[in-house]
Amino acid sequence: MNTVQESNTRLLLCSRDADSVLAMQREVFRNSGYRVVAAAAKEEIHEHIENSDFDVLILNHTLSFTDRKSLAKKAKKSNPNHGVLVLHHSGSLGNPYVDLAVDSRSGVKPMLDTLKRIEAMQHARTHHAPGADGKYVVVADMNRNYTFATDPVCELLGYDRAMLLELRIDDVVDGSTHVAAPLFEQFVTEGRQAGRITLRHRSGKKVPVKYSSQVEPDGCVIAHWEPLESAAAD
């Protein structure tokens, strides 16, 4: 018989109403080994954000966009390392405080897979503590998926954080996989790499940068960018 592996990640699951939807979502996460506190109504949610010890804030689809944005902002201001997941297909649009969004109607597996990505992002942030050197810093995994980006990176490329963290290195490098794949393969082999590369802004504009990158022992890939003057002037 399979047993559920307990997770150390603590969830604060929030909804507009304490209804069957909230109860069902709570059991999905509990049955997958997470410790879950469920809260409904804004006053209760605010109190939990201020006083509860949690790792990931989950805002479900019943909350309005305005409430999701204000609650996500409050959670991030309380602790920048809090993860924020929205159970809504467009939950990351226009909300810079969200890490990822997933449509709860897509089923249990996509929800759990997205939560696992949030956990990976939280681990990636340990490579860039507040006040650390470097303004433009990104972290990726060995599949070239971005798992962390500083705010200046998001601004440089024109993406909300959650939108950028849905992308791979190939999506951002000008020339796509044809350019990114061989460079990355060489980089992983050598453990370090530096040079110049052209990135693509969300608008399609080219953004040349200098970069230096290294592979950490835990498999995280860290890159520091320095926009060239032609990009900074745009």
Protein backbone atom coordinates (compact mmCIF):
# COMPACT_ATOMS: atom_id res chain seq x y z
CA MET A 1 0.00 0.00 0.00
CA ASN A 2 1.38 3.43 -0.93
CA THR A 3 1.89 5.90 1.90
CA VAL A 4 1.79 9.66 1.54
CA GLN A 5 5.16 11.31 2.12
CA GLU A 6 4.83 14.17 4.59
CA SER A 7 6.09 17.55 3.43
CA ASN A 8 7.71 20.22 5.58
CA THR A 9 5.98 22.89 3.49
CA ARG A 10 3.13 24.59 5.33
CA LEU A 11 0.24 25.97 3.30
CA LEU A 12 -2.21 28.78 4.00
CA LEU A 13 -5.16 28.11 1.69
CA CYS A 14 -7.51 31.07 1.27
CA SER A 15 -10.98 31.44 -0.19
CA ARG A 16 -13.85 33.90 -0.18
CA ASP A 17 -16.24 31.38 1.36
CA ALA A 18 -15.88 28.44 3.73
CA ASP A 19 -17.68 26.16 1.30
CA SER A 20 -17.27 22.73 -0.25
CA VAL A 21 -14.71 24.04 -2.76
CA LEU A 22 -12.39 25.16 0.01
CA ALA A 23 -12.89 21.88 1.86
CA MET A 24 -12.13 19.84 -1.26
CA GLN A 25 -8.97 21.81 -2.06
CA ARG A 26 -7.80 21.53 1.54
CA GLU A 27 -8.15 17.75 1.44
CA VAL A 28 -6.29 17.53 -1.89
CA PHE A 29 -3.24 19.15 -0.31
CA ARG A 30 -3.57 17.34 3.02
CA ASN A 31 -3.86 13.97 1.30
CA SER A 32 -0.66 14.80 -0.56
CA GLY A 33 1.25 15.25 2.68
CA TYR A 34 1.07 19.00 3.23
CA ARG A 35 0.16 20.76 6.44
CA VAL A 36 -2.75 23.05 5.57
CA VAL A 37 -4.50 25.88 7.35
CA ALA A 38 -7.65 27.02 5.54
CA ALA A 39 -9.07 30.51 5.90
CA ALA A 40 -12.14 32.20 4.45
CA ALA A 41 -13.19 35.87 4.41
CA LYS A 42 -10.70 38.74 4.27
CA GLU A 43 -10.50 39.44 8.00
CA GLU A 44 -9.58 35.85 8.85
CA ILE A 45 -7.06 35.67 6.00
CA HIS A 46 -5.38 38.91 7.08
CA GLU A 47 -5.10 37.60 10.63
CA HIS A 48 -3.48 34.36 9.46
CA ILE A 49 -1.01 36.21 7.23
CA GLU A 50 0.01 38.36 10.18
CA ASN A 51 0.17 35.61 12.78
CA SER A 52 0.50 32.18 11.14
CA ASP A 53 3.72 30.37 10.36
CA PHE A 54 3.33 29.28 6.72
CA ASP A 55 5.52 28.80 3.65
CA VAL A 56 3.11 29.11 0.72
CA LEU A 57 -0.01 31.27 0.42
CA ILE A 58 -2.61 29.72 -1.89
CA LEU A 59 -5.38 32.01 -3.14
CA ASN A 60 -8.23 30.19 -4.80
CA HIS A 61 -10.38 31.30 -7.72
CA THR A 62 -13.27 32.55 -5.58
CA LEU A 63 -11.29 35.59 -4.44
CA SER A 64 -11.52 38.72 -6.58
CA PHE A 65 -8.49 40.00 -8.48
CA THR A 66 -8.28 42.98 -6.10
CA ASP A 67 -8.28 40.71 -3.05
CA ARG A 68 -5.75 38.32 -4.57
CA LYS A 69 -3.39 41.18 -5.34
CA SER A 70 -3.67 42.83 -1.93
CA LEU A 71 -3.31 39.53 -0.04
CA ALA A 72 -0.33 38.44 -2.14
CA LYS A 73 1.31 41.82 -1.55
CA LYS A 74 0.71 41.56 2.18
CA ALA A 75 2.24 38.07 2.30
CA LYS A 76 5.34 39.13 0.36
CA LYS A 77 5.81 42.22 2.52
CA SER A 78 5.45 40.09 5.63
CA ASN A 79 8.12 37.70 4.34
CA PRO A 80 9.64 37.94 0.82
CA ASN A 81 10.36 34.20 0.97
CA HIS A 82 6.67 33.31 1.17
CA GLY A 83 5.52 31.54 -1.98
CA VAL A 84 2.28 32.73 -3.57
CA LEU A 85 0.20 30.40 -5.73
CA VAL A 86 -3.12 31.38 -7.33
CA LEU A 87 -5.66 28.72 -8.35
CA HIS A 88 -6.94 30.65 -11.34
CA HIS A 89 -5.94 30.33 -15.01
CA SER A 90 -5.02 34.01 -15.35
CA GLY A 91 -4.16 34.60 -11.71
CA SER A 92 -0.66 35.92 -12.40
CA LEU A 93 -1.64 38.59 -14.92
CA GLY A 94 -1.14 42.07 -13.53
CA ASN A 95 -0.11 40.74 -10.13
CA PRO A 96 3.66 41.05 -9.55
CA TYR A 97 3.42 39.39 -6.13
CA VAL A 98 2.35 35.99 -7.49
CA ASP A 99 4.94 33.27 -8.11
CA LEU A 100 2.79 30.95 -10.23
CA ALA A 101 -0.82 30.36 -11.19
CA VAL A 102 -2.65 27.20 -12.20
CA ASP A 103 -6.29 26.58 -13.07
CA SER A 104 -7.82 24.46 -10.30
CA ARG A 105 -10.23 23.00 -12.88
CA SER A 106 -7.29 21.34 -14.65
CA GLY A 107 -7.17 18.66 -11.98
CA VAL A 108 -5.17 17.54 -8.98
CA LYS A 109 -1.87 16.72 -10.72
CA PRO A 110 -1.31 20.16 -12.31
CA MET A 111 -2.08 21.80 -8.97
CA LEU A 112 0.43 19.61 -7.12
CA ASP A 113 3.04 19.92 -9.87
CA THR A 114 2.78 23.70 -9.71
CA LEU A 115 3.11 23.64 -5.93
CA LYS A 116 6.28 21.55 -6.34
CA ARG A 117 7.62 24.27 -8.65
CA ILE A 118 6.88 26.87 -5.96
CA GLU A 119 8.92 24.79 -3.51
CA ALA A 120 11.78 24.65 -6.03
CA MET A 121 11.60 28.43 -6.41
CA GLN A 122 11.82 28.90 -2.67
CA HIS A 123 14.94 26.76 -2.61
CA ALA A 124 16.37 28.76 -5.53
CA ARG A 125 15.93 31.99 -3.56
CA THR A 126 18.40 30.71 -0.97
CA HIS A 127 21.08 31.48 -3.55
CA HIS A 128 20.23 35.18 -3.49
CA ALA A 129 19.76 36.57 -0.02
CA PRO A 130 18.47 40.14 0.37
CA GLY A 131 21.37 42.54 0.03
CA ALA A 132 23.53 40.06 -1.85
CA ASP A 133 25.70 41.27 -4.69
CA GLY A 134 24.06 41.54 -8.06
CA LYS A 135 21.00 43.40 -9.25
CA TYR A 136 20.10 41.21 -12.26
CA VAL A 137 20.16 37.63 -10.96
CA VAL A 138 18.35 34.57 -12.29
CA VAL A 139 18.35 30.95 -11.15
CA ALA A 140 17.40 28.00 -13.37
CA ASP A 141 17.34 24.22 -13.09
CA MET A 142 19.06 21.64 -15.23
CA ASN A 143 16.11 21.59 -17.63
CA ARG A 144 16.69 25.29 -18.31
CA ASN A 145 13.50 26.30 -16.48
CA TYR A 146 13.75 29.58 -14.61
CA THR A 147 13.09 29.17 -10.88
CA PHE A 148 14.00 32.62 -9.55
CA ALA A 149 14.48 36.14 -10.88
CA THR A 150 15.10 39.43 -9.13
CA ASP A 151 12.67 42.29 -9.74
CA PRO A 152 15.13 44.16 -12.04
CA VAL A 153 15.29 41.08 -14.29
CA CYS A 154 11.50 41.10 -14.64
CA GLU A 155 11.58 44.82 -15.47
CA LEU A 156 14.44 44.38 -17.93
CA LEU A 157 12.51 41.77 -19.91
CA GLY A 158 9.01 43.20 -19.46
CA TYR A 159 7.37 40.30 -17.60
CA ASP A 160 5.46 39.92 -14.37
CA ARG A 161 7.35 37.50 -12.15
CA ALA A 162 4.94 34.59 -12.58
CA MET A 163 5.01 34.99 -16.36
CA LEU A 164 8.81 34.95 -16.44
CA LEU A 165 8.99 31.91 -14.18
CA GLU A 166 6.85 29.97 -16.64
CA LEU A 167 9.62 30.39 -19.23
CA ARG A 168 12.79 28.51 -20.05
CA ILE A 169 16.16 29.99 -20.92
CA ASP A 170 15.40 29.12 -24.55
CA ASP A 171 12.36 31.42 -24.48
CA VAL A 172 14.41 34.43 -23.46
CA VAL A 173 17.66 33.99 -25.41
CA ASP A 174 17.61 35.48 -28.90
CA GLY A 175 17.95 32.54 -31.27
CA SER A 176 16.05 30.23 -28.91
CA THR A 177 17.16 26.59 -28.44
CA HIS A 178 19.55 26.74 -31.39
CA VAL A 179 21.67 29.20 -29.39
CA ALA A 180 20.78 28.27 -25.80
CA ALA A 181 21.19 24.48 -25.90
CA PRO A 182 24.85 24.20 -26.99
CA LEU A 183 25.91 27.04 -24.70
CA PHE A 184 24.14 25.44 -21.77
CA GLU A 185 25.63 22.00 -22.48
CA GLN A 186 29.13 23.47 -22.54
CA PHE A 187 28.38 25.47 -19.40
CA VAL A 188 27.21 22.42 -17.42
CA THR A 189 30.32 20.51 -18.47
CA GLU A 190 32.66 23.29 -17.38
CA GLY A 191 30.71 24.49 -14.34
CA ARG A 192 31.20 28.17 -15.16
CA GLN A 193 30.65 30.44 -18.11
CA ALA A 194 30.89 34.14 -18.92
CA GLY A 195 30.41 36.24 -22.01
CA ARG A 196 27.85 38.32 -23.88
CA ILE A 197 24.47 37.23 -25.12
CA THR A 198 21.35 38.84 -26.56
CA LEU A 199 18.08 38.36 -24.75
CA ARG A 200 14.55 39.13 -25.97
CA HIS A 201 12.22 41.56 -24.24
CA ARG A 202 8.57 40.53 -24.09
CA SER A 203 7.91 43.10 -26.84
CA GLY A 204 10.49 41.44 -29.09
CA LYS A 205 13.13 44.10 -28.55
CA LYS A 206 16.67 42.74 -28.26
CA VAL A 207 18.44 43.19 -24.92
CA PRO A 208 22.22 42.60 -25.01
CA VAL A 209 23.84 41.69 -21.68
CA LYS A 210 27.11 40.54 -20.23
CA TYR A 211 26.66 37.45 -18.08
CA SER A 212 28.56 35.25 -15.67
CA SER A 213 27.09 31.97 -14.48
CA GLN A 214 27.94 28.95 -12.40
CA VAL A 215 26.50 25.58 -11.45
CA GLU A 216 25.96 25.10 -7.73
CA PRO A 217 26.51 21.71 -6.03
CA ASP A 218 22.75 21.29 -5.58
CA GLY A 219 22.19 21.61 -9.35
CA CYS A 220 20.90 25.17 -9.35
CA VAL A 221 22.24 27.33 -12.15
CA ILE A 222 22.89 30.95 -11.20
CA ALA A 223 23.51 33.78 -13.67
CA HIS A 224 24.36 37.43 -13.06
CA TRP A 225 23.53 39.80 -15.89
CA GLU A 226 24.86 43.25 -16.68
CA PRO A 227 22.83 45.08 -19.34
CA LEU A 228 24.99 46.77 -21.91
CA GLU A 229 24.64 50.51 -22.38
CA SER A 230 22.51 50.19 -25.51
CA ALA A 231 19.90 48.21 -23.53
CA ALA A 232 19.99 50.41 -20.46
CA ALA A 233 19.40 53.50 -22.58
CA ASP A 234 16.13 52.15 -24.10
